């Protein structure tokens, strides 16, 4: 499955549009608390714990979006966008959403 942030894929022709697809993931309070605890371990201005949680959230949301695109009969997703949001009481959860347009390319 090709996933692209652009509205086309170089060298490929879009032959069918299957609609908007999205994938979501939400990390609960424990993961979010651990993620903030890792910020205390900053090295060179970066936090490995912070980056790991965001990366896992992104990958899970993209995998969910791709699965929905495949169910729709697509072999690519164009215009992919990632959104991150703190939600819940006291912003205790992190939501990651991946969305795009499912298409068939040849």
PDB file of N, CA and C in Angstrom:
ATOM      1  N   UNK A   1       0.849  -1.179   0.000  1.00  0.00           N
ATOM      2  CA  UNK A   1       0.000   0.000   0.000  1.00  0.00           C
ATOM      3  C   UNK A   1       0.890   1.235   0.000  1.00  0.00           C
ATOM      4  N   UNK A   2       0.634   2.121  -0.948  1.00  0.00           N
ATOM      5  CA  UNK A   2       1.350   3.389  -1.016  1.00  0.00           C
ATOM      6  C   UNK A   2       0.570   4.414  -0.192  1.00  0.00           C
ATOM      7  N   UNK A   3       1.260   5.130   0.685  1.00  0.00           N
ATOM      8  CA  UNK A   3       0.651   6.202   1.463  1.00  0.00           C
ATOM      9  C   UNK A   3       1.455   7.465   1.188  1.00  0.00           C
ATOM     10  N   UNK A   4       0.761   8.513   0.750  1.00  0.00           N
ATOM     11  CA  UNK A   4       1.429   9.746   0.365  1.00  0.00           C
ATOM     12  C   UNK A   4       0.709  10.966   0.928  1.00  0.00           C
ATOM     13  N   UNK A   5       1.487  11.980   1.275  1.00  0.00           N
ATOM     14  CA  UNK A   5       0.886  13.240   1.731  1.00  0.00           C
ATOM     15  C   UNK A   5       0.478  14.127   0.558  1.00  0.00           C
ATOM     16  N   UNK A   6       0.902  13.772  -0.637  1.00  0.00           N
ATOM     17  CA  UNK A   6       0.583  14.569  -1.819  1.00  0.00           C
ATOM     18  C   UNK A   6      -0.748  14.123  -2.420  1.00  0.00           C
ATOM     19  N   UNK A   7      -1.265  14.889  -3.381  1.00  0.00           N
ATOM     20  CA  UNK A   7      -2.555  14.550  -3.988  1.00  0.00           C
ATOM     21  C   UNK A   7      -2.425  13.677  -5.234  1.00  0.00           C
ATOM     22  N   UNK A   8      -1.213  13.235  -5.504  1.00  0.00           N
ATOM     23  CA  UNK A   8      -0.973  12.318  -6.614  1.00  0.00           C
ATOM     24  C   UNK A   8       0.280  11.508  -6.288  1.00  0.00           C
ATOM     25  N   UNK A   9       0.515  10.477  -7.094  1.00  0.00           N
ATOM     26  CA  UNK A   9       1.703   9.653  -6.903  1.00  0.00           C
ATOM     27  C   UNK A   9       2.452   9.648  -8.230  1.00  0.00           C
ATOM     28  N   UNK A  10       3.656  10.180  -8.211  1.00  0.00           N
ATOM     29  CA  UNK A  10       4.426  10.320  -9.438  1.00  0.00           C
ATOM     30  C   UNK A  10       4.558   8.976 -10.152  1.00  0.00           C
ATOM     31  N   UNK A  11       4.281   9.001 -11.449  1.00  0.00           N
ATOM     32  CA  UNK A  11       4.398   7.804 -12.264  1.00  0.00           C
ATOM     33  C   UNK A  11       3.208   6.869 -12.173  1.00  0.00           C
ATOM     34  N   UNK A  12       2.214   7.224 -11.389  1.00  0.00           N
ATOM     35  CA  UNK A  12       1.004   6.393 -11.236  1.00  0.00           C
ATOM     36  C   UNK A  12      -0.207   7.202 -11.673  1.00  0.00           C
ATOM     37  N   UNK A  13      -1.174   6.493 -12.230  1.00  0.00           N
ATOM     38  CA  UNK A  13      -2.418   7.132 -12.656  1.00  0.00           C
ATOM     39  C   UNK A  13      -3.536   6.664 -11.733  1.00  0.00           C
ATOM     40  N   UNK A  14      -4.276   7.614 -11.170  1.00  0.00           N
ATOM     41  CA  UNK A  14      -5.405   7.267 -10.313  1.00  0.00           C
ATOM     42  C   UNK A  14      -6.566   6.851 -11.205  1.00  0.00           C
ATOM     43  N   UNK A  15      -7.067   5.624 -10.981  1.00  0.00           N
ATOM     44  CA  UNK A  15      -8.157   5.109 -11.815  1.00  0.00           C
ATOM     45  C   UNK A  15      -9.474   5.008 -11.048  1.00  0.00           C
ATOM     46  N   UNK A  16      -9.428   5.103  -9.704  1.00  0.00           N
ATOM     47  CA  UNK A  16     -10.668   5.050  -8.917  1.00  0.00           C
ATOM     48  C   UNK A  16     -10.445   5.727  -7.569  1.00  0.00           C
ATOM     49  N   UNK A  17     -11.479   6.425  -7.123  1.00  0.00           N
ATOM     50  CA  UNK A  17     -11.488   7.038  -5.802  1.00  0.00           C
ATOM     51  C   UNK A  17     -12.471   6.259  -4.932  1.00  0.00           C
ATOM     52  N   UNK A  18     -12.059   5.938  -3.725  1.00  0.00           N
ATOM     53  CA  UNK A  18     -12.892   5.131  -2.829  1.00  0.00           C
ATOM     54  C   UNK A  18     -13.365   5.902  -1.599  1.00  0.00           C
ATOM     55  N   UNK A  19     -13.069   7.175  -1.537  1.00  0.00           N
ATOM     56  CA  UNK A  19     -13.541   8.005  -0.439  1.00  0.00           C
ATOM     57  C   UNK A  19     -12.493   8.253   0.632  1.00  0.00           C
ATOM     58  N   UNK A  20     -12.896   9.009   1.618  1.00  0.00           N
ATOM     59  CA  UNK A  20     -12.016   9.370   2.733  1.00  0.00           C
ATOM     60  C   UNK A  20     -11.922   8.192   3.695  1.00  0.00           C
ATOM     61  N   UNK A  21     -10.707   7.921   4.139  1.00  0.00           N
ATOM     62  CA  UNK A  21     -10.484   6.890   5.152  1.00  0.00           C
ATOM     63  C   UNK A  21      -9.699   7.513   6.300  1.00  0.00           C
ATOM     64  N   UNK A  22      -9.900   6.970   7.485  1.00  0.00           N
ATOM     65  CA  UNK A  22      -9.145   7.470   8.633  1.00  0.00           C
ATOM     66  C   UNK A  22      -8.840   6.332   9.581  1.00  0.00           C
ATOM     67  N   UNK A  23      -7.845   6.560  10.393  1.00  0.00           N
ATOM     68  CA  UNK A  23      -7.469   5.625  11.441  1.00  0.00           C
ATOM     69  C   UNK A  23      -7.189   6.426  12.694  1.00  0.00           C
ATOM     70  N   UNK A  24      -7.632   5.909  13.819  1.00  0.00           N
ATOM     71  CA  UNK A  24      -7.470   6.629  15.073  1.00  0.00           C
ATOM     72  C   UNK A  24      -6.837   5.723  16.122  1.00  0.00           C
ATOM     73  N   UNK A  25      -6.123   6.328  17.023  1.00  0.00           N
ATOM     74  CA  UNK A  25      -5.622   5.620  18.185  1.00  0.00           C
ATOM     75  C   UNK A  25      -5.636   6.583  19.365  1.00  0.00           C
ATOM     76  N   UNK A  26      -5.954   6.054  20.527  1.00  0.00           N
ATOM     77  CA  UNK A  26      -5.982   6.859  21.743  1.00  0.00           C
ATOM     78  C   UNK A  26      -5.173   6.134  22.807  1.00  0.00           C
ATOM     79  N   UNK A  27      -4.228   6.847  23.389  1.00  0.00           N
ATOM     80  CA  UNK A  27      -3.418   6.302  24.469  1.00  0.00           C
ATOM     81  C   UNK A  27      -4.006   6.783  25.782  1.00  0.00           C
ATOM     82  N   UNK A  28      -4.206   5.849  26.712  1.00  0.00           N
ATOM     83  CA  UNK A  28      -4.802   6.167  28.000  1.00  0.00           C
ATOM     84  C   UNK A  28      -3.856   6.884  28.934  1.00  0.00           C
ATOM     85  N   UNK A  29      -4.376   7.166  30.125  1.00  0.00           N
ATOM     86  CA  UNK A  29      -3.674   7.980  31.112  1.00  0.00           C
ATOM     87  C   UNK A  29      -2.313   7.407  31.497  1.00  0.00           C
ATOM     88  N   UNK A  30      -2.187   6.102  31.653  1.00  0.00           N
ATOM     89  CA  UNK A  30      -0.910   5.540  32.093  1.00  0.00           C
ATOM     90  C   UNK A  30       0.190   5.780  31.070  1.00  0.00           C
ATOM     91  N   UNK A  31      -0.114   5.557  29.819  1.00  0.00           N
ATOM     92  CA  UNK A  31       0.885   5.781  28.778  1.00  0.00           C
ATOM     93  C   UNK A  31       1.240   7.258  28.718  1.00  0.00           C
ATOM     94  N   UNK A  32       0.234   8.115  28.825  1.00  0.00           N
ATOM     95  CA  UNK A  32       0.471   9.547  28.753  1.00  0.00           C
ATOM     96  C   UNK A  32       1.330  10.008  29.933  1.00  0.00           C
ATOM     97  N   UNK A  33       1.050   9.467  31.130  1.00  0.00           N
ATOM     98  CA  UNK A  33       1.838   9.827  32.307  1.00  0.00           C
ATOM     99  C   UNK A  33       3.285   9.372  32.118  1.00  0.00           C
ATOM    100  N   UNK A  34       3.471   8.146  31.622  1.00  0.00           N
ATOM    101  CA  UNK A  34       4.826   7.640  31.373  1.00  0.00           C
ATOM    102  C   UNK A  34       5.541   8.504  30.346  1.00  0.00           C
ATOM    103  N   UNK A  35       4.804   8.946  29.354  1.00  0.00           N
ATOM    104  CA  UNK A  35       5.359   9.765  28.286  1.00  0.00           C
ATOM    105  C   UNK A  35       5.866  11.093  28.869  1.00  0.00           C
ATOM    106  N   UNK A  36       5.124  11.694  29.809  1.00  0.00           N
ATOM    107  CA  UNK A  36       5.596  12.922  30.431  1.00  0.00           C
ATOM    108  C   UNK A  36       6.751  12.669  31.388  1.00  0.00           C
ATOM    109  N   UNK A  37       6.750  11.511  32.049  1.00  0.00           N
ATOM    110  CA  UNK A  37       7.858  11.184  32.949  1.00  0.00           C
ATOM    111  C   UNK A  37       9.159  11.108  32.165  1.00  0.00           C
ATOM    112  N   UNK A  38       9.087  10.631  30.931  1.00  0.00           N
ATOM    113  CA  UNK A  38      10.274  10.524  30.098  1.00  0.00           C
ATOM    114  C   UNK A  38      10.854  11.863  29.710  1.00  0.00           C
ATOM    115  N   UNK A  39      10.026  12.910  29.752  1.00  0.00           N
ATOM    116  CA  UNK A  39      10.516  14.245  29.391  1.00  0.00           C
ATOM    117  C   UNK A  39      11.621  14.672  30.356  1.00  0.00           C
ATOM    118  N   UNK A  40      11.556  14.176  31.587  1.00  0.00           N
ATOM    119  CA  UNK A  40      12.594  14.525  32.556  1.00  0.00           C
ATOM    120  C   UNK A  40      13.958  14.014  32.117  1.00  0.00           C
ATOM    121  N   UNK A  41      13.964  13.032  31.227  1.00  0.00           N
ATOM    122  CA  UNK A  41      15.212  12.438  30.760  1.00  0.00           C
ATOM    123  C   UNK A  41      15.690  13.075  29.464  1.00  0.00           C
ATOM    124  N   UNK A  42      15.518  14.351  29.331  1.00  0.00           N
ATOM    125  CA  UNK A  42      15.922  15.032  28.105  1.00  0.00           C
ATOM    126  C   UNK A  42      17.429  14.950  27.909  1.00  0.00           C
ATOM    127  N   UNK A  43      17.796  14.588  26.690  1.00  0.00           N
ATOM    128  CA  UNK A  43      19.214  14.533  26.330  1.00  0.00           C
ATOM    129  C   UNK A  43      19.351  15.299  25.025  1.00  0.00           C
ATOM    130  N   UNK A  44      20.120  16.343  25.064  1.00  0.00           N
ATOM    131  CA  UNK A  44      20.297  17.136  23.844  1.00  0.00           C
ATOM    132  C   UNK A  44      19.007  17.771  23.366  1.00  0.00           C
ATOM    133  N   UNK A  45      18.079  18.044  24.282  1.00  0.00           N
ATOM    134  CA  UNK A  45      16.828  18.681  23.900  1.00  0.00           C
ATOM    135  C   UNK A  45      15.791  17.731  23.357  1.00  0.00           C
ATOM    136  N   UNK A  46      16.037  16.407  23.398  1.00  0.00           N
ATOM    137  CA  UNK A  46      15.093  15.434  22.872  1.00  0.00           C
ATOM    138  C   UNK A  46      14.745  14.419  23.950  1.00  0.00           C
ATOM    139  N   UNK A  47      13.536  13.922  23.885  1.00  0.00           N
ATOM    140  CA  UNK A  47      13.093  12.913  24.833  1.00  0.00           C
ATOM    141  C   UNK A  47      12.741  11.644  24.083  1.00  0.00           C
ATOM    142  N   UNK A  48      13.493  10.589  24.337  1.00  0.00           N
ATOM    143  CA  UNK A  48      13.224   9.309  23.687  1.00  0.00           C
ATOM    144  C   UNK A  48      11.845   8.776  24.024  1.00  0.00           C
ATOM    145  N   UNK A  49      11.391   8.938  25.266  1.00  0.00           N
ATOM    146  CA  UNK A  49      10.068   8.448  25.673  1.00  0.00           C
ATOM    147  C   UNK A  49       8.975   9.190  24.925  1.00  0.00           C
ATOM    148  N   UNK A  50       9.111  10.490  24.833  1.00  0.00           N
ATOM    149  CA  UNK A  50       8.139  11.326  24.123  1.00  0.00           C
ATOM    150  C   UNK A  50       8.054  10.899  22.660  1.00  0.00           C
ATOM    151  N   UNK A  51       9.201  10.772  22.020  1.00  0.00           N
ATOM    152  CA  UNK A  51       9.233  10.405  20.605  1.00  0.00           C
ATOM    153  C   UNK A  51       8.677   9.004  20.370  1.00  0.00           C
ATOM    154  N   UNK A  52       8.950   8.092  21.288  1.00  0.00           N
ATOM    155  CA  UNK A  52       8.462   6.714  21.136  1.00  0.00           C
ATOM    156  C   UNK A  52       6.939   6.659  21.169  1.00  0.00           C
ATOM    157  N   UNK A  53       6.313   7.362  22.110  1.00  0.00           N
ATOM    158  CA  UNK A  53       4.859   7.363  22.210  1.00  0.00           C
ATOM    159  C   UNK A  53       4.236   7.987  20.966  1.00  0.00           C
ATOM    160  N   UNK A  54       4.764   9.103  20.516  1.00  0.00           N
ATOM    161  CA  UNK A  54       4.227   9.744  19.321  1.00  0.00           C
ATOM    162  C   UNK A  54       4.398   8.858  18.090  1.00  0.00           C
ATOM    163  N   UNK A  55       5.547   8.210  17.977  1.00  0.00           N
ATOM    164  CA  UNK A  55       5.807   7.330  16.841  1.00  0.00           C
ATOM    165  C   UNK A  55       4.859   6.133  16.840  1.00  0.00           C
ATOM    166  N   UNK A  56       4.662   5.529  18.008  1.00  0.00           N
ATOM    167  CA  UNK A  56       3.746   4.390  18.106  1.00  0.00           C
ATOM    168  C   UNK A  56       2.322   4.812  17.753  1.00  0.00           C
ATOM    169  N   UNK A  57       1.910   5.976  18.235  1.00  0.00           N
ATOM    170  CA  UNK A  57       0.579   6.478  17.914  1.00  0.00           C
ATOM    171  C   UNK A  57       0.404   6.717  16.432  1.00  0.00           C
ATOM    172  N   UNK A  58       1.410   7.312  15.820  1.00  0.00           N
ATOM    173  CA  UNK A  58       1.361   7.578  14.378  1.00  0.00           C
ATOM    174  C   UNK A  58       1.270   6.279  13.594  1.00  0.00           C
ATOM    175  N   UNK A  59       2.126   5.319  13.914  1.00  0.00           N
ATOM    176  CA  UNK A  59       2.135   4.042  13.191  1.00  0.00           C
ATOM    177  C   UNK A  59       0.816   3.300  13.344  1.00  0.00           C
ATOM    178  N   UNK A  60       0.260   3.284  14.547  1.00  0.00           N
ATOM    179  CA  UNK A  60      -1.010   2.594  14.779  1.00  0.00           C
ATOM    180  C   UNK A  60      -2.140   3.250  13.997  1.00  0.00           C
ATOM    181  N   UNK A  61      -2.193   4.581  13.994  1.00  0.00           N
ATOM    182  CA  UNK A  61      -3.238   5.295  13.255  1.00  0.00           C
ATOM    183  C   UNK A  61      -3.105   5.057  11.754  1.00  0.00           C
ATOM    184  N   UNK A  62      -1.871   5.066  11.243  1.00  0.00           N
ATOM    185  CA  UNK A  62      -1.659   4.822   9.807  1.00  0.00           C
ATOM    186  C   UNK A  62      -2.051   3.388   9.452  1.00  0.00           C
ATOM    187  N   UNK A  63      -1.677   2.421  10.285  1.00  0.00           N
ATOM    188  CA  UNK A  63      -2.050   1.024  10.026  1.00  0.00           C
ATOM    189  C   UNK A  63      -3.564   0.861   9.976  1.00  0.00           C
ATOM    190  N   UNK A  64      -4.281   1.524  10.877  1.00  0.00           N
ATOM    191  CA  UNK A  64      -5.740   1.479  10.907  1.00  0.00           C
ATOM    192  C   UNK A  64      -6.320   2.099   9.641  1.00  0.00           C
ATOM    193  N   UNK A  65      -5.772   3.242   9.210  1.00  0.00           N
ATOM    194  CA  UNK A  65      -6.229   3.907   7.999  1.00  0.00           C
ATOM    195  C   UNK A  65      -5.993   3.019   6.769  1.00  0.00           C
ATOM    196  N   UNK A  66      -4.816   2.403   6.697  1.00  0.00           N
ATOM    197  CA  UNK A  66      -4.483   1.521   5.572  1.00  0.00           C
ATOM    198  C   UNK A  66      -5.436   0.330   5.524  1.00  0.00           C
ATOM    199  N   UNK A  67      -5.748  -0.246   6.683  1.00  0.00           N
ATOM    200  CA  UNK A  67      -6.678  -1.384   6.723  1.00  0.00           C
ATOM    201  C   UNK A  67      -8.041  -0.979   6.179  1.00  0.00           C
ATOM    202  N   UNK A  68      -8.490   0.209   6.513  1.00  0.00           N
ATOM    203  CA  UNK A  68      -9.784   0.683   6.007  1.00  0.00           C
ATOM    204  C   UNK A  68      -9.724   0.959   4.507  1.00  0.00           C
ATOM    205  N   UNK A  69      -8.592   1.446   4.022  1.00  0.00           N
ATOM    206  CA  UNK A  69      -8.432   1.670   2.580  1.00  0.00           C
ATOM    207  C   UNK A  69      -8.466   0.339   1.830  1.00  0.00           C
ATOM    208  N   UNK A  70      -7.788  -0.670   2.380  1.00  0.00           N
ATOM    209  CA  UNK A  70      -7.794  -1.995   1.756  1.00  0.00           C
ATOM    210  C   UNK A  70      -9.205  -2.577   1.719  1.00  0.00           C
ATOM    211  N   UNK A  71      -9.954  -2.399   2.803  1.00  0.00           N
ATOM    212  CA  UNK A  71     -11.343  -2.877   2.848  1.00  0.00           C
ATOM    213  C   UNK A  71     -12.191  -2.198   1.777  1.00  0.00           C
ATOM    214  N   UNK A  72     -11.848  -0.968   1.437  1.00  0.00           N
ATOM    215  CA  UNK A  72     -12.587  -0.229   0.411  1.00  0.00           C
ATOM    216  C   UNK A  72     -12.150  -0.606  -1.002  1.00  0.00           C
ATOM    217  N   UNK A  73     -11.105  -1.446  -1.116  1.00  0.00           N
ATOM    218  CA  UNK A  73     -10.623  -1.867  -2.428  1.00  0.00           C
ATOM    219  C   UNK A  73      -9.505  -1.015  -2.987  1.00  0.00           C
ATOM    220  N   UNK A  74      -8.920  -0.167  -2.184  1.00  0.00           N
ATOM    221  CA  UNK A  74      -7.859   0.728  -2.643  1.00  0.00           C
ATOM    222  C   UNK A  74      -6.490   0.064  -2.544  1.00  0.00           C
ATOM    223  N   UNK A  75      -5.531   0.593  -3.320  1.00  0.00           N
ATOM    224  CA  UNK A  75      -4.146   0.148  -3.195  1.00  0.00           C
ATOM    225  C   UNK A  75      -3.205   1.315  -2.861  1.00  0.00           C
ATOM    226  N   UNK A  76      -3.818   2.481  -2.542  1.00  0.00           N
ATOM    227  CA  UNK A  76      -3.027   3.654  -2.149  1.00  0.00           C
ATOM    228  C   UNK A  76      -3.906   4.621  -1.374  1.00  0.00           C
ATOM    229  N   UNK A  77      -3.248   5.482  -0.588  1.00  0.00           N
ATOM    230  CA  UNK A  77      -3.929   6.567   0.106  1.00  0.00           C
ATOM    231  C   UNK A  77      -3.161   7.841  -0.220  1.00  0.00           C
ATOM    232  N   UNK A  78      -3.877   8.843  -0.725  1.00  0.00           N
ATOM    233  CA  UNK A  78      -3.240  10.123  -1.049  1.00  0.00           C
ATOM    234  C   UNK A  78      -3.758  11.196  -0.095  1.00  0.00           C
ATOM    235  N   UNK A  79      -3.024  12.305  -0.013  1.00  0.00           N
ATOM    236  CA  UNK A  79      -3.436  13.415   0.839  1.00  0.00           C
ATOM    237  C   UNK A  79      -3.445  13.058   2.315  1.00  0.00           C
ATOM    238  N   UNK A  80      -2.558  12.169   2.715  1.00  0.00           N
ATOM    239  CA  UNK A  80      -2.529  11.720   4.107  1.00  0.00           C
ATOM    240  C   UNK A  80      -2.156  12.880   5.046  1.00  0.00           C
ATOM    241  N   UNK A  81      -2.890  12.973   6.146  1.00  0.00           N
ATOM    242  CA  UNK A  81      -2.665  14.016   7.142  1.00  0.00           C
ATOM    243  C   UNK A  81      -2.693  13.379   8.523  1.00  0.00           C
ATOM    244  N   UNK A  82      -1.816  13.846   9.415  1.00  0.00           N
ATOM    245  CA  UNK A  82      -1.773  13.357  10.794  1.00  0.00           C
ATOM    246  C   UNK A  82      -2.149  14.487  11.736  1.00  0.00           C
ATOM    247  N   UNK A  83      -3.017  14.183  12.694  1.00  0.00           N
ATOM    248  CA  UNK A  83      -3.417  15.156  13.706  1.00  0.00           C
ATOM    249  C   UNK A  83      -3.202  14.544  15.079  1.00  0.00           C
ATOM    250  N   UNK A  84      -2.697  15.355  16.005  1.00  0.00           N
ATOM    251  CA  UNK A  84      -2.457  14.942  17.384  1.00  0.00           C
ATOM    252  C   UNK A  84      -3.288  15.839  18.284  1.00  0.00           C
ATOM    253  N   UNK A  85      -3.939  15.239  19.292  1.00  0.00           N
ATOM    254  CA  UNK A  85      -4.793  16.025  20.186  1.00  0.00           C
ATOM    255  C   UNK A  85      -4.781  15.434  21.588  1.00  0.00           C
ATOM    256  N   UNK A  86      -4.623  16.280  22.591  1.00  0.00           N
ATOM    257  CA  UNK A  86      -4.773  15.856  23.979  1.00  0.00           C
ATOM    258  C   UNK A  86      -6.250  15.949  24.308  1.00  0.00           C
ATOM    259  N   UNK A  87      -6.826  14.856  24.823  1.00  0.00           N
ATOM    260  CA  UNK A  87      -8.263  14.825  25.105  1.00  0.00           C
ATOM    261  C   UNK A  87      -8.509  14.241  26.489  1.00  0.00           C
ATOM    262  N   UNK A  88      -9.749  14.251  26.902  1.00  0.00           N
ATOM    263  CA  UNK A  88     -10.143  13.664  28.174  1.00  0.00           C
ATOM    264  C   UNK A  88     -10.015  14.643  29.318  1.00  0.00           C
ATOM    265  N   UNK A  89     -10.443  14.175  30.477  1.00  0.00           N
ATOM    266  CA  UNK A  89     -10.358  14.997  31.679  1.00  0.00           C
ATOM    267  C   UNK A  89      -8.900  15.317  31.968  1.00  0.00           C
ATOM    268  N   UNK A  90      -8.595  16.565  32.153  1.00  0.00           N
ATOM    269  CA  UNK A  90      -7.228  17.048  32.398  1.00  0.00           C
ATOM    270  C   UNK A  90      -6.280  16.696  31.254  1.00  0.00           C
ATOM    271  N   UNK A  91      -6.824  16.541  30.050  1.00  0.00           N
ATOM    272  CA  UNK A  91      -6.007  16.186  28.878  1.00  0.00           C
ATOM    273  C   UNK A  91      -5.132  14.977  29.162  1.00  0.00           C
ATOM    274  N   UNK A  92      -5.737  13.950  29.764  1.00  0.00           N
ATOM    275  CA  UNK A  92      -4.982  12.782  30.204  1.00  0.00           C
ATOM    276  C   UNK A  92      -4.785  11.729  29.125  1.00  0.00           C
ATOM    277  N   UNK A  93      -5.311  11.960  27.930  1.00  0.00           N
ATOM    278  CA  UNK A  93      -5.151  10.993  26.844  1.00  0.00           C
ATOM    279  C   UNK A  93      -4.649  11.698  25.586  1.00  0.00           C
ATOM    280  N   UNK A  94      -3.960  10.949  24.762  1.00  0.00           N
ATOM    281  CA  UNK A  94      -3.447  11.471  23.507  1.00  0.00           C
ATOM    282  C   UNK A  94      -4.134  10.741  22.366  1.00  0.00           C
ATOM    283  N   UNK A  95      -4.742  11.502  21.457  1.00  0.00           N
ATOM    284  CA  UNK A  95      -5.396  10.923  20.289  1.00  0.00           C
ATOM    285  C   UNK A  95      -4.580  11.280  19.053  1.00  0.00           C
ATOM    286  N   UNK A  96      -4.349  10.268  18.206  1.00  0.00           N
ATOM    287  CA  UNK A  96      -3.667  10.476  16.932  1.00  0.00           C
ATOM    288  C   UNK A  96      -4.609  10.007  15.840  1.00  0.00           C
ATOM    289  N   UNK A  97      -4.836  10.853  14.829  1.00  0.00           N
ATOM    290  CA  UNK A  97      -5.715  10.532  13.716  1.00  0.00           C
ATOM    291  C   UNK A  97      -4.936  10.660  12.416  1.00  0.00           C
ATOM    292  N   UNK A  98      -5.009   9.626  11.591  1.00  0.00           N
ATOM    293  CA  UNK A  98      -4.448   9.650  10.235  1.00  0.00           C
ATOM    294  C   UNK A  98      -5.637   9.613   9.273  1.00  0.00           C
ATOM    295  N   UNK A  99      -5.671  10.502   8.284  1.00  0.00           N
ATOM    296  CA  UNK A  99      -6.755  10.504   7.322  1.00  0.00           C
ATOM    297  C   UNK A  99      -6.212  10.808   5.925  1.00  0.00           C
ATOM    298  N   UNK A 100      -6.943  10.349   4.937  1.00  0.00           N
ATOM    299  CA  UNK A 100      -6.558  10.576   3.552  1.00  0.00           C
ATOM    300  C   UNK A 100      -7.637  10.075   2.617  1.00  0.00           C
ATOM    301  N   UNK A 101      -7.365  10.082   1.328  1.00  0.00           N
ATOM    302  CA  UNK A 101      -8.295   9.597   0.326  1.00  0.00           C
ATOM    303  C   UNK A 101      -7.807   8.269  -0.225  1.00  0.00           C
ATOM    304  N   UNK A 102      -8.659   7.260  -0.117  1.00  0.00           N
ATOM    305  CA  UNK A 102      -8.334   5.920  -0.630  1.00  0.00           C
ATOM    306  C   UNK A 102      -8.527   5.919  -2.144  1.00  0.00           C
ATOM    307  N   UNK A 103      -7.527   5.439  -2.872  1.00  0.00           N
ATOM    308  CA  UNK A 103      -7.596   5.409  -4.334  1.00  0.00           C
ATOM    309  C   UNK A 103      -7.012   4.096  -4.863  1.00  0.00           C
ATOM    310  N   UNK A 104      -7.334   3.822  -6.119  1.00  0.00           N
ATOM    311  CA  UNK A 104      -6.675   2.743  -6.842  1.00  0.00           C
ATOM    312  C   UNK A 104      -5.794   3.380  -7.892  1.00  0.00           C
ATOM    313  N   UNK A 105      -4.532   2.975  -7.920  1.00  0.00           N
ATOM    314  CA  UNK A 105      -3.598   3.498  -8.916  1.00  0.00           C
ATOM    315  C   UNK A 105      -3.092   2.350  -9.777  1.00  0.00           C
ATOM    316  N   UNK A 106      -2.656   2.703 -10.977  1.00  0.00           N
ATOM    317  CA  UNK A 106      -2.031   1.692 -11.861  1.00  0.00           C
ATOM    318  C   UNK A 106      -0.757   2.236 -12.447  1.00  0.00           C
TER     319      UNK A 106
END
